[in-house]
């Protein structure tokens, strides 16, 4: 299970934020969903990350998600707050408040849209990490932020006492190996399809979107890798492949995960907040075609899958908008 030196867990769910049909956070559904994924094998929950729609959550909603996560988990899983801000001052205050709310760790994303230099990225991460006593995961996802955390910058950041890990959504396995060889940083796969390949070269675990639907196979993969059982890990990886493709290929992972969870009857609405929208007819059809290939995945029984394309259509405008201050 979780390594004693690892404060985050190994099977981390990049949690969706269940919402009502009008786009307000569905707090009872949040509680149920967190309990469901922990019961199914997750030992870490990342709230308010990309998958949690951090860009359109208000700061009070983000802090309440930490509080609810801590209450529901009751020590069974670590609660990590994701997201952050592309404004360093705001990120510092948000993570300070998250620490007071009970977060077990923080995940800091590279400042997005601004496209800072590596010096700016270095300063941003250092100042945020200085502002909290919580363990830090760096989130390297250039496809969303516009800039990567370069190898040399990661090496420098690894010297900070609070920075313990990287969530890698860059997919550069040679770089991962170099960093693992030269630092004590833990790595978490940030690409569902690469969870096992990442772990095969020394990663600690994963932070997964598909794990919202099926944490159990990822638990199997992690436990098998820990035990040196590559055959069992590979079998679970292969079994997951069509489900991962359904979630991660055709629309943003948040949209697909909510569409699927709603069709399985596990959340009350598939609604996302604008500018995200539910899948169009042809996108929904592609997702459903992939799901038809899913077989034998623990926790993902699609025999009674009832997708609702009308309920998923469009996106919601919440009553209170997110804010950068």
C-alpha atoms as a PDB file:
ATOM      1  CA  UNK A   1       0.000   0.000   0.000  1.00  0.00           C
ATOM      2  CA  UNK A   2       1.275   3.520   0.738  1.00  0.00           C
ATOM      3  CA  UNK A   3       4.999   3.801   1.381  1.00  0.00           C
ATOM      4  CA  UNK A   4       5.790   5.150   4.858  1.00  0.00           C
ATOM      5  CA  UNK A   5       7.853   7.974   3.369  1.00  0.00           C
ATOM      6  CA  UNK A   6       5.077   8.934   0.967  1.00  0.00           C
ATOM      7  CA  UNK A   7       2.620  11.526   2.358  1.00  0.00           C
ATOM      8  CA  UNK A   8       0.324  11.459  -0.678  1.00  0.00           C
ATOM      9  CA  UNK A   9      -0.759   7.854  -1.342  1.00  0.00           C
ATOM     10  CA  UNK A  10      -0.219   5.884  -4.531  1.00  0.00           C
ATOM     11  CA  UNK A  11      -3.655   5.553  -6.136  1.00  0.00           C
ATOM     12  CA  UNK A  12      -4.814   9.157  -6.302  1.00  0.00           C
ATOM     13  CA  UNK A  13      -8.117  10.115  -7.911  1.00  0.00           C
ATOM     14  CA  UNK A  14      -8.234  13.413  -9.797  1.00  0.00           C
ATOM     15  CA  UNK A  15     -11.720  13.963  -8.441  1.00  0.00           C
ATOM     16  CA  UNK A  16     -14.580  15.309 -10.531  1.00  0.00           C
ATOM     17  CA  UNK A  17     -16.757  17.845  -8.717  1.00  0.00           C
ATOM     18  CA  UNK A  18     -20.364  16.580  -8.983  1.00  0.00           C
ATOM     19  CA  UNK A  19     -22.808  19.367  -9.761  1.00  0.00           C
ATOM     20  CA  UNK A  20     -26.546  19.842  -9.993  1.00  0.00           C
ATOM     21  CA  UNK A  21     -28.257  20.433 -13.331  1.00  0.00           C
ATOM     22  CA  UNK A  22     -27.928  24.215 -12.827  1.00  0.00           C
ATOM     23  CA  UNK A  23     -24.193  23.992 -12.195  1.00  0.00           C
ATOM     24  CA  UNK A  24     -24.054  24.338  -8.417  1.00  0.00           C
ATOM     25  CA  UNK A  25     -21.840  21.953  -6.449  1.00  0.00           C
ATOM     26  CA  UNK A  26     -23.859  18.921  -5.364  1.00  0.00           C
ATOM     27  CA  UNK A  27     -22.402  18.484  -1.888  1.00  0.00           C
ATOM     28  CA  UNK A  28     -24.171  15.214  -0.971  1.00  0.00           C
ATOM     29  CA  UNK A  29     -22.968  13.758  -4.285  1.00  0.00           C
ATOM     30  CA  UNK A  30     -19.427  14.970  -3.540  1.00  0.00           C
ATOM     31  CA  UNK A  31     -19.492  13.132  -0.218  1.00  0.00           C
ATOM     32  CA  UNK A  32     -20.850   9.948  -1.782  1.00  0.00           C
ATOM     33  CA  UNK A  33     -18.363  10.006  -4.649  1.00  0.00           C
ATOM     34  CA  UNK A  34     -15.374  10.499  -2.355  1.00  0.00           C
ATOM     35  CA  UNK A  35     -16.526   7.611  -0.178  1.00  0.00           C
ATOM     36  CA  UNK A  36     -17.100   5.427  -3.250  1.00  0.00           C
ATOM     37  CA  UNK A  37     -13.602   5.861  -4.664  1.00  0.00           C
ATOM     38  CA  UNK A  38     -11.891   5.395  -1.305  1.00  0.00           C
ATOM     39  CA  UNK A  39     -13.893   2.239  -0.655  1.00  0.00           C
ATOM     40  CA  UNK A  40     -12.830   0.981  -4.109  1.00  0.00           C
ATOM     41  CA  UNK A  41      -9.119   1.371  -3.405  1.00  0.00           C
ATOM     42  CA  UNK A  42      -8.006   5.010  -3.654  1.00  0.00           C
ATOM     43  CA  UNK A  43      -5.637   6.180  -0.936  1.00  0.00           C
ATOM     44  CA  UNK A  44      -5.398   9.770  -2.146  1.00  0.00           C
ATOM     45  CA  UNK A  45      -7.896  12.315  -3.465  1.00  0.00           C
ATOM     46  CA  UNK A  46      -6.938  15.408  -5.447  1.00  0.00           C
ATOM     47  CA  UNK A  47      -9.768  17.909  -5.125  1.00  0.00           C
ATOM     48  CA  UNK A  48      -9.973  21.150  -7.141  1.00  0.00           C
ATOM     49  CA  UNK A  49      -7.614  19.935  -9.829  1.00  0.00           C
ATOM     50  CA  UNK A  50      -8.123  20.197 -13.574  1.00  0.00           C
ATOM     51  CA  UNK A  51     -10.649  17.361 -13.477  1.00  0.00           C
ATOM     52  CA  UNK A  52     -12.424  19.043 -10.569  1.00  0.00           C
ATOM     53  CA  UNK A  53     -13.012  22.137 -12.751  1.00  0.00           C
ATOM     54  CA  UNK A  54     -10.730  24.321 -10.652  1.00  0.00           C
ATOM     55  CA  UNK A  55     -10.868  27.136 -13.216  1.00  0.00           C
ATOM     56  CA  UNK A  56     -14.573  27.710 -12.561  1.00  0.00           C
ATOM     57  CA  UNK A  57     -14.741  26.980  -8.832  1.00  0.00           C
ATOM     58  CA  UNK A  58     -14.805  29.839  -6.356  1.00  0.00           C
ATOM     59  CA  UNK A  59     -12.224  29.950  -3.591  1.00  0.00           C
ATOM     60  CA  UNK A  60     -14.867  29.157  -0.920  1.00  0.00           C
ATOM     61  CA  UNK A  61     -15.930  26.113  -2.953  1.00  0.00           C
ATOM     62  CA  UNK A  62     -12.316  24.962  -3.210  1.00  0.00           C
ATOM     63  CA  UNK A  63     -11.810  25.230   0.531  1.00  0.00           C
ATOM     64  CA  UNK A  64     -15.091  23.473   1.288  1.00  0.00           C
ATOM     65  CA  UNK A  65     -14.033  20.602  -0.994  1.00  0.00           C
ATOM     66  CA  UNK A  66     -10.937  20.155   1.181  1.00  0.00           C
ATOM     67  CA  UNK A  67     -13.055  20.219   4.343  1.00  0.00           C
ATOM     68  CA  UNK A  68     -15.594  17.756   2.965  1.00  0.00           C
ATOM     69  CA  UNK A  69     -12.818  15.503   1.686  1.00  0.00           C
ATOM     70  CA  UNK A  70     -11.161  15.417   5.095  1.00  0.00           C
ATOM     71  CA  UNK A  71     -14.458  14.672   6.815  1.00  0.00           C
ATOM     72  CA  UNK A  72     -15.482  11.867   4.461  1.00  0.00           C
ATOM     73  CA  UNK A  73     -12.050  10.268   4.209  1.00  0.00           C
ATOM     74  CA  UNK A  74     -11.703  10.137   8.004  1.00  0.00           C
ATOM     75  CA  UNK A  75      -8.056   9.197   7.660  1.00  0.00           C
ATOM     76  CA  UNK A  76      -8.602   6.538   4.998  1.00  0.00           C
ATOM     77  CA  UNK A  77      -7.049   8.645   2.209  1.00  0.00           C
ATOM     78  CA  UNK A  78      -4.928  11.756   1.880  1.00  0.00           C
ATOM     79  CA  UNK A  79      -6.648  14.929   0.654  1.00  0.00           C
ATOM     80  CA  UNK A  80      -4.543  16.950  -1.769  1.00  0.00           C
ATOM     81  CA  UNK A  81      -5.677  20.328  -3.026  1.00  0.00           C
ATOM     82  CA  UNK A  82      -4.857  21.011  -6.678  1.00  0.00           C
ATOM     83  CA  UNK A  83      -5.345  23.898  -9.033  1.00  0.00           C
ATOM     84  CA  UNK A  84      -3.666  26.972  -7.658  1.00  0.00           C
ATOM     85  CA  UNK A  85      -3.485  30.154  -9.686  1.00  0.00           C
ATOM     86  CA  UNK A  86      -1.440  31.822 -12.392  1.00  0.00           C
ATOM     87  CA  UNK A  87      -1.101  34.738  -9.985  1.00  0.00           C
ATOM     88  CA  UNK A  88       1.575  33.881  -7.432  1.00  0.00           C
ATOM     89  CA  UNK A  89       0.087  36.019  -4.657  1.00  0.00           C
ATOM     90  CA  UNK A  90      -3.317  34.385  -5.069  1.00  0.00           C
ATOM     91  CA  UNK A  91      -1.810  30.909  -5.175  1.00  0.00           C
ATOM     92  CA  UNK A  92       0.037  31.571  -1.889  1.00  0.00           C
ATOM     93  CA  UNK A  93      -3.117  32.705  -0.105  1.00  0.00           C
ATOM     94  CA  UNK A  94      -5.201  29.872  -1.511  1.00  0.00           C
ATOM     95  CA  UNK A  95      -2.750  27.202  -0.394  1.00  0.00           C
ATOM     96  CA  UNK A  96      -2.372  28.802   3.054  1.00  0.00           C
ATOM     97  CA  UNK A  97      -6.137  28.654   3.418  1.00  0.00           C
ATOM     98  CA  UNK A  98      -6.182  25.071   2.150  1.00  0.00           C
ATOM     99  CA  UNK A  99      -3.671  24.099   4.822  1.00  0.00           C
ATOM    100  CA  UNK A 100      -5.917  25.636   7.499  1.00  0.00           C
ATOM    101  CA  UNK A 101      -8.871  23.760   5.985  1.00  0.00           C
ATOM    102  CA  UNK A 102      -7.066  20.479   6.595  1.00  0.00           C
ATOM    103  CA  UNK A 103      -5.352  19.555   3.321  1.00  0.00           C
ATOM    104  CA  UNK A 104      -2.682  16.866   3.616  1.00  0.00           C
ATOM    105  CA  UNK A 105      -0.713  18.181   0.644  1.00  0.00           C
ATOM    106  CA  UNK A 106      -0.830  20.618  -2.249  1.00  0.00           C
ATOM    107  CA  UNK A 107      -0.371  20.214  -5.984  1.00  0.00           C
ATOM    108  CA  UNK A 108       0.920  23.355  -7.700  1.00  0.00           C
ATOM    109  CA  UNK A 109       0.341  23.732 -11.418  1.00  0.00           C
ATOM    110  CA  UNK A 110       2.761  25.650 -13.628  1.00  0.00           C
ATOM    111  CA  UNK A 111       1.421  29.202 -14.093  1.00  0.00           C
ATOM    112  CA  UNK A 112      -0.783  29.095 -17.178  1.00  0.00           C
ATOM    113  CA  UNK A 113      -1.517  31.737 -19.833  1.00  0.00           C
ATOM    114  CA  UNK A 114       1.271  34.063 -18.573  1.00  0.00           C
ATOM    115  CA  UNK A 115       3.929  31.813 -20.178  1.00  0.00           C
ATOM    116  CA  UNK A 116       6.653  32.709 -17.656  1.00  0.00           C
ATOM    117  CA  UNK A 117      10.317  31.932 -18.217  1.00  0.00           C
ATOM    118  CA  UNK A 118      11.924  29.076 -16.285  1.00  0.00           C
ATOM    119  CA  UNK A 119      13.159  31.677 -13.781  1.00  0.00           C
ATOM    120  CA  UNK A 120       9.582  32.801 -13.248  1.00  0.00           C
ATOM    121  CA  UNK A 121       8.375  29.217 -12.852  1.00  0.00           C
ATOM    122  CA  UNK A 122      11.159  28.523 -10.356  1.00  0.00           C
ATOM    123  CA  UNK A 123      10.280  31.604  -8.306  1.00  0.00           C
ATOM    124  CA  UNK A 124       6.538  30.845  -8.382  1.00  0.00           C
ATOM    125  CA  UNK A 125       6.981  27.295  -7.095  1.00  0.00           C
ATOM    126  CA  UNK A 126       9.531  28.294  -4.459  1.00  0.00           C
ATOM    127  CA  UNK A 127       7.415  31.104  -3.037  1.00  0.00           C
ATOM    128  CA  UNK A 128       4.305  28.931  -2.837  1.00  0.00           C
ATOM    129  CA  UNK A 129       6.263  26.070  -1.255  1.00  0.00           C
ATOM    130  CA  UNK A 130       7.800  28.535   1.232  1.00  0.00           C
ATOM    131  CA  UNK A 131       4.331  29.662   2.308  1.00  0.00           C
ATOM    132  CA  UNK A 132       3.140  26.284   3.605  1.00  0.00           C
ATOM    133  CA  UNK A 133       4.440  23.394   5.664  1.00  0.00           C
ATOM    134  CA  UNK A 134       2.506  20.922   3.518  1.00  0.00           C
ATOM    135  CA  UNK A 135       4.257  18.519   1.135  1.00  0.00           C
ATOM    136  CA  UNK A 136       4.154  19.711  -2.469  1.00  0.00           C
ATOM    137  CA  UNK A 137       3.539  17.995  -5.801  1.00  0.00           C
ATOM    138  CA  UNK A 138       4.649  19.956  -8.890  1.00  0.00           C
ATOM    139  CA  UNK A 139       2.180  19.595 -11.750  1.00  0.00           C
ATOM    140  CA  UNK A 140       3.937  19.551 -15.129  1.00  0.00           C
ATOM    141  CA  UNK A 141       1.325  19.726 -17.906  1.00  0.00           C
ATOM    142  CA  UNK A 142       2.560  21.917 -20.769  1.00  0.00           C
ATOM    143  CA  UNK A 143      -0.406  21.002 -22.963  1.00  0.00           C
ATOM    144  CA  UNK A 144      -2.607  23.087 -20.660  1.00  0.00           C
ATOM    145  CA  UNK A 145      -0.180  25.657 -19.264  1.00  0.00           C
ATOM    146  CA  UNK A 146       1.751  26.471 -22.426  1.00  0.00           C
ATOM    147  CA  UNK A 147       5.161  25.919 -20.835  1.00  0.00           C
ATOM    148  CA  UNK A 148       6.948  22.843 -19.453  1.00  0.00           C
ATOM    149  CA  UNK A 149       8.944  22.635 -16.264  1.00  0.00           C
ATOM    150  CA  UNK A 150      12.340  21.978 -17.797  1.00  0.00           C
ATOM    151  CA  UNK A 151      14.644  19.305 -16.482  1.00  0.00           C
ATOM    152  CA  UNK A 152      17.138  21.773 -15.038  1.00  0.00           C
ATOM    153  CA  UNK A 153      14.340  23.619 -13.228  1.00  0.00           C
ATOM    154  CA  UNK A 154      13.018  20.389 -11.711  1.00  0.00           C
ATOM    155  CA  UNK A 155      16.499  19.593 -10.379  1.00  0.00           C
ATOM    156  CA  UNK A 156      16.693  22.993  -8.709  1.00  0.00           C
ATOM    157  CA  UNK A 157      13.184  22.695  -7.260  1.00  0.00           C
ATOM    158  CA  UNK A 158      14.005  19.245  -5.879  1.00  0.00           C
ATOM    159  CA  UNK A 159      16.316  20.936  -3.357  1.00  0.00           C
ATOM    160  CA  UNK A 160      13.351  22.647  -1.655  1.00  0.00           C
ATOM    161  CA  UNK A 161      12.480  20.723   1.536  1.00  0.00           C
ATOM    162  CA  UNK A 162       8.709  20.867   0.911  1.00  0.00           C
ATOM    163  CA  UNK A 163       8.783  19.854  -2.757  1.00  0.00           C
ATOM    164  CA  UNK A 164       8.579  16.070  -2.754  1.00  0.00           C
ATOM    165  CA  UNK A 165       6.938  14.996  -5.996  1.00  0.00           C
ATOM    166  CA  UNK A 166       6.003  15.675  -9.615  1.00  0.00           C
ATOM    167  CA  UNK A 167       2.786  14.863 -11.423  1.00  0.00           C
ATOM    168  CA  UNK A 168       3.971  14.209 -14.964  1.00  0.00           C
ATOM    169  CA  UNK A 169       1.603  14.826 -17.845  1.00  0.00           C
ATOM    170  CA  UNK A 170       4.436  15.508 -20.277  1.00  0.00           C
ATOM    171  CA  UNK A 171       5.135  11.874 -21.140  1.00  0.00           C
ATOM    172  CA  UNK A 172       8.901  12.264 -21.522  1.00  0.00           C
ATOM    173  CA  UNK A 173      10.013   8.982 -19.983  1.00  0.00           C
ATOM    174  CA  UNK A 174      13.704   9.622 -20.505  1.00  0.00           C
ATOM    175  CA  UNK A 175      13.412  12.841 -18.502  1.00  0.00           C
ATOM    176  CA  UNK A 176      11.501  11.056 -15.754  1.00  0.00           C
ATOM    177  CA  UNK A 177      14.306   8.504 -15.508  1.00  0.00           C
ATOM    178  CA  UNK A 178      16.945  11.250 -15.357  1.00  0.00           C
ATOM    179  CA  UNK A 179      15.155  13.072 -12.559  1.00  0.00           C
ATOM    180  CA  UNK A 180      14.537   9.863 -10.607  1.00  0.00           C
ATOM    181  CA  UNK A 181      18.242   9.047 -10.945  1.00  0.00           C
ATOM    182  CA  UNK A 182      19.388  12.457  -9.711  1.00  0.00           C
ATOM    183  CA  UNK A 183      16.834  13.417  -7.053  1.00  0.00           C
ATOM    184  CA  UNK A 184      14.655  11.924  -4.329  1.00  0.00           C
ATOM    185  CA  UNK A 185      11.473  13.232  -5.972  1.00  0.00           C
ATOM    186  CA  UNK A 186       8.499  10.916  -6.268  1.00  0.00           C
ATOM    187  CA  UNK A 187       6.739  10.786  -9.628  1.00  0.00           C
ATOM    188  CA  UNK A 188       3.027  10.365 -10.250  1.00  0.00           C
ATOM    189  CA  UNK A 189       1.701   9.546 -13.683  1.00  0.00           C
ATOM    190  CA  UNK A 190      -0.602  12.305 -14.895  1.00  0.00           C
ATOM    191  CA  UNK A 191      -1.674  10.411 -18.003  1.00  0.00           C
ATOM    192  CA  UNK A 192      -4.070   7.517 -17.384  1.00  0.00           C
ATOM    193  CA  UNK A 193      -2.719   5.460 -20.273  1.00  0.00           C
ATOM    194  CA  UNK A 194       0.823   5.715 -18.908  1.00  0.00           C
ATOM    195  CA  UNK A 195       0.263   4.721 -15.281  1.00  0.00           C
ATOM    196  CA  UNK A 196       1.927   1.318 -15.612  1.00  0.00           C
ATOM    197  CA  UNK A 197       4.748   2.481 -17.926  1.00  0.00           C
ATOM    198  CA  UNK A 198       5.555   5.272 -15.476  1.00  0.00           C
ATOM    199  CA  UNK A 199       5.601   2.862 -12.542  1.00  0.00           C
ATOM    200  CA  UNK A 200       7.749   0.423 -14.502  1.00  0.00           C
ATOM    201  CA  UNK A 201      10.574   2.987 -14.519  1.00  0.00           C
ATOM    202  CA  UNK A 202      10.217   3.929 -10.871  1.00  0.00           C
ATOM    203  CA  UNK A 203       7.197   6.204 -10.451  1.00  0.00           C
ATOM    204  CA  UNK A 204       5.367   6.056  -7.120  1.00  0.00           C
ATOM    205  CA  UNK A 205       1.801   5.990  -8.403  1.00  0.00           C
ATOM    206  CA  UNK A 206      -0.782   7.865 -10.414  1.00  0.00           C
ATOM    207  CA  UNK A 207      -3.209  10.755 -10.272  1.00  0.00           C
ATOM    208  CA  UNK A 208      -5.953   9.521 -12.558  1.00  0.00           C
ATOM    209  CA  UNK A 209      -9.191  10.686 -14.140  1.00  0.00           C
ATOM    210  CA  UNK A 210     -10.417   7.210 -15.085  1.00  0.00           C
ATOM    211  CA  UNK A 211      -9.977   6.277 -11.422  1.00  0.00           C
ATOM    212  CA  UNK A 212     -13.176   8.252 -10.757  1.00  0.00           C
ATOM    213  CA  UNK A 213     -14.967   5.373 -12.460  1.00  0.00           C
ATOM    214  CA  UNK A 214     -12.728   2.419 -11.588  1.00  0.00           C
ATOM    215  CA  UNK A 215     -10.102   2.867  -8.853  1.00  0.00           C
ATOM    216  CA  UNK A 216      -9.860  -0.872  -8.173  1.00  0.00           C
ATOM    217  CA  UNK A 217      -7.798  -1.813 -11.276  1.00  0.00           C
ATOM    218  CA  UNK A 218      -5.314   0.937 -10.451  1.00  0.00           C
ATOM    219  CA  UNK A 219      -5.071  -0.445  -6.932  1.00  0.00           C
ATOM    220  CA  UNK A 220      -4.317  -3.820  -8.529  1.00  0.00           C
ATOM    221  CA  UNK A 221      -1.621  -2.302 -10.762  1.00  0.00           C
ATOM    222  CA  UNK A 222       0.059  -0.455  -7.901  1.00  0.00           C
ATOM    223  CA  UNK A 223      -0.039  -3.387  -5.515  1.00  0.00           C
ATOM    224  CA  UNK A 224       1.271  -5.735  -8.211  1.00  0.00           C
ATOM    225  CA  UNK A 225       4.154  -3.400  -9.079  1.00  0.00           C
ATOM    226  CA  UNK A 226       4.982  -3.093  -5.377  1.00  0.00           C
ATOM    227  CA  UNK A 227       5.100  -6.892  -5.223  1.00  0.00           C
ATOM    228  CA  UNK A 228       7.170  -7.221  -8.417  1.00  0.00           C
ATOM    229  CA  UNK A 229       4.318  -8.968 -10.219  1.00  0.00           C
ATOM    230  CA  UNK A 230       4.489  -7.500 -13.714  1.00  0.00           C
ATOM    231  CA  UNK A 231       2.090 -10.045 -15.221  1.00  0.00           C
ATOM    232  CA  UNK A 232      -0.773  -9.069 -12.907  1.00  0.00           C
ATOM    233  CA  UNK A 233      -0.083  -5.356 -13.397  1.00  0.00           C
ATOM    234  CA  UNK A 234      -0.001  -5.757 -17.173  1.00  0.00           C
ATOM    235  CA  UNK A 235      -3.263  -7.703 -17.238  1.00  0.00           C
ATOM    236  CA  UNK A 236      -5.036  -4.940 -15.282  1.00  0.00           C
ATOM    237  CA  UNK A 237      -3.473  -2.293 -17.538  1.00  0.00           C
ATOM    238  CA  UNK A 238      -4.725  -4.038 -20.670  1.00  0.00           C
ATOM    239  CA  UNK A 239      -8.177  -4.539 -19.201  1.00  0.00           C
ATOM    240  CA  UNK A 240      -8.417  -0.806 -18.487  1.00  0.00           C
ATOM    241  CA  UNK A 241      -7.344   0.303 -21.961  1.00  0.00           C
ATOM    242  CA  UNK A 242     -10.799   0.754 -23.616  1.00  0.00           C
ATOM    243  CA  UNK A 243     -12.151   2.555 -20.542  1.00  0.00           C
ATOM    244  CA  UNK A 244      -9.156   4.892 -20.513  1.00  0.00           C
ATOM    245  CA  UNK A 245      -9.697   5.545 -24.217  1.00  0.00           C
ATOM    246  CA  UNK A 246     -13.383   6.331 -23.596  1.00  0.00           C
ATOM    247  CA  UNK A 247     -12.563   8.815 -20.851  1.00  0.00           C
ATOM    248  CA  UNK A 248      -9.463  10.505 -22.239  1.00  0.00           C
ATOM    249  CA  UNK A 249      -9.749  10.590 -26.027  1.00  0.00           C
ATOM    250  CA  UNK A 250     -12.843  12.303 -27.402  1.00  0.00           C
ATOM    251  CA  UNK A 251     -13.710  15.146 -25.008  1.00  0.00           C
ATOM    252  CA  UNK A 252     -12.013  16.625 -21.923  1.00  0.00           C
ATOM    253  CA  UNK A 253     -11.632  13.966 -19.250  1.00  0.00           C
ATOM    254  CA  UNK A 254     -13.887  15.847 -16.840  1.00  0.00           C
ATOM    255  CA  UNK A 255     -16.727  15.831 -19.364  1.00  0.00           C
ATOM    256  CA  UNK A 256     -16.394  12.154 -20.226  1.00  0.00           C
ATOM    257  CA  UNK A 257     -15.987  11.042 -16.612  1.00  0.00           C
ATOM    258  CA  UNK A 258     -19.143  12.862 -15.532  1.00  0.00           C
ATOM    259  CA  UNK A 259     -21.064  11.551 -18.542  1.00  0.00           C
ATOM    260  CA  UNK A 260     -20.063   7.992 -17.674  1.00  0.00           C
ATOM    261  CA  UNK A 261     -20.595   8.323 -13.912  1.00  0.00           C
ATOM    262  CA  UNK A 262     -24.080   9.704 -14.544  1.00  0.00           C
ATOM    263  CA  UNK A 263     -24.880   6.876 -16.959  1.00  0.00           C
ATOM    264  CA  UNK A 264     -23.838   4.423 -14.257  1.00  0.00           C
ATOM    265  CA  UNK A 265     -26.149   6.123 -11.765  1.00  0.00           C
ATOM    266  CA  UNK A 266     -23.314   7.205  -9.491  1.00  0.00           C
ATOM    267  CA  UNK A 267     -23.859  10.988  -9.730  1.00  0.00           C
ATOM    268  CA  UNK A 268     -27.135  12.840 -10.172  1.00  0.00           C
ATOM    269  CA  UNK A 269     -26.136  15.025 -13.112  1.00  0.00           C
ATOM    270  CA  UNK A 270     -23.385  15.072 -15.750  1.00  0.00           C
ATOM    271  CA  UNK A 271     -23.369  18.888 -15.783  1.00  0.00           C
ATOM    272  CA  UNK A 272     -20.126  20.813 -16.223  1.00  0.00           C
ATOM    273  CA  UNK A 273     -19.567  24.564 -15.985  1.00  0.00           C
ATOM    274  CA  UNK A 274     -18.947  26.704 -19.039  1.00  0.00           C
ATOM    275  CA  UNK A 275     -16.820  27.000 -21.061  1.00  0.00           C
ATOM    276  CA  UNK A 276     -16.882  23.196 -20.782  1.00  0.00           C
ATOM    277  CA  UNK A 277     -19.939  21.589 -22.325  1.00  0.00           C
ATOM    278  CA  UNK A 278     -21.266  18.061 -22.425  1.00  0.00           C
ATOM    279  CA  UNK A 279     -20.435  15.786 -25.353  1.00  0.00           C
ATOM    280  CA  UNK A 280     -22.141  16.424 -28.669  1.00  0.00           C
ATOM    281  CA  UNK A 281     -24.107  13.573 -30.213  1.00  0.00           C
ATOM    282  CA  UNK A 282     -21.200  12.258 -32.267  1.00  0.00           C
ATOM    283  CA  UNK A 283     -18.780  12.538 -29.338  1.00  0.00           C
ATOM    284  CA  UNK A 284     -21.192  10.699 -27.052  1.00  0.00           C
ATOM    285  CA  UNK A 285     -21.529   7.973 -29.659  1.00  0.00           C
ATOM    286  CA  UNK A 286     -17.755   7.535 -29.784  1.00  0.00           C
ATOM    287  CA  UNK A 287     -17.544   7.324 -25.993  1.00  0.00           C
ATOM    288  CA  UNK A 288     -20.309   4.729 -25.912  1.00  0.00           C
ATOM    289  CA  UNK A 289     -18.611   2.694 -28.653  1.00  0.00           C
ATOM    290  CA  UNK A 290     -15.451   2.539 -26.528  1.00  0.00           C
ATOM    291  CA  UNK A 291     -17.434   1.549 -23.447  1.00  0.00           C
ATOM    292  CA  UNK A 292     -18.957  -1.360 -25.368  1.00  0.00           C
ATOM    293  CA  UNK A 293     -15.431  -2.858 -25.432  1.00  0.00           C
ATOM    294  CA  UNK A 294     -14.970  -2.666 -21.654  1.00  0.00           C
ATOM    295  CA  UNK A 295     -15.114  -6.082 -20.056  1.00  0.00           C
ATOM    296  CA  UNK A 296     -14.246  -7.457 -16.648  1.00  0.00           C
ATOM    297  CA  UNK A 297     -13.093  -4.159 -15.139  1.00  0.00           C
ATOM    298  CA  UNK A 298     -13.883  -4.229 -11.403  1.00  0.00           C
ATOM    299  CA  UNK A 299     -16.312  -1.463 -10.484  1.00  0.00           C
ATOM    300  CA  UNK A 300     -17.209  -0.705 -14.106  1.00  0.00           C
ATOM    301  CA  UNK A 301     -20.231  -2.819 -14.986  1.00  0.00           C
ATOM    302  CA  UNK A 302     -21.821  -1.303 -18.079  1.00  0.00           C
ATOM    303  CA  UNK A 303     -24.610  -3.850 -18.438  1.00  0.00           C
ATOM    304  CA  UNK A 304     -27.032  -1.289 -16.978  1.00  0.00           C
ATOM    305  CA  UNK A 305     -25.355   1.807 -18.413  1.00  0.00           C
ATOM    306  CA  UNK A 306     -27.977   4.458 -19.190  1.00  0.00           C
ATOM    307  CA  UNK A 307     -26.328   7.503 -20.786  1.00  0.00           C
ATOM    308  CA  UNK A 308     -28.380  10.686 -21.008  1.00  0.00           C
ATOM    309  CA  UNK A 309     -27.137  12.899 -23.815  1.00  0.00           C
ATOM    310  CA  UNK A 310     -29.812  15.512 -23.186  1.00  0.00           C
ATOM    311  CA  UNK A 311     -28.868  15.895 -19.514  1.00  0.00           C
ATOM    312  CA  UNK A 312     -25.230  16.299 -20.497  1.00  0.00           C
ATOM    313  CA  UNK A 313     -25.819  18.807 -23.286  1.00  0.00           C
ATOM    314  CA  UNK A 314     -24.461  22.320 -22.935  1.00  0.00           C
ATOM    315  CA  UNK A 315     -22.799  23.800 -19.890  1.00  0.00           C
ATOM    316  CA  UNK A 316     -23.884  25.707 -16.808  1.00  0.00           C
ATOM    317  CA  UNK A 317     -23.381  29.285 -15.654  1.00  0.00           C
ATOM    318  CA  UNK A 318     -23.181  29.201 -11.842  1.00  0.00           C
ATOM    319  CA  UNK A 319     -24.752  31.914  -9.698  1.00  0.00           C
ATOM    320  CA  UNK A 320     -21.380  33.057  -8.352  1.00  0.00           C
ATOM    321  CA  UNK A 321     -18.425  33.178 -10.712  1.00  0.00           C
ATOM    322  CA  UNK A 322     -14.919  32.038  -9.877  1.00  0.00           C
ATOM    323  CA  UNK A 323     -12.476  34.768  -9.015  1.00  0.00           C
ATOM    324  CA  UNK A 324      -8.737  35.320  -9.045  1.00  0.00           C
ATOM    325  CA  UNK A 325      -8.864  37.336  -5.809  1.00  0.00           C
END
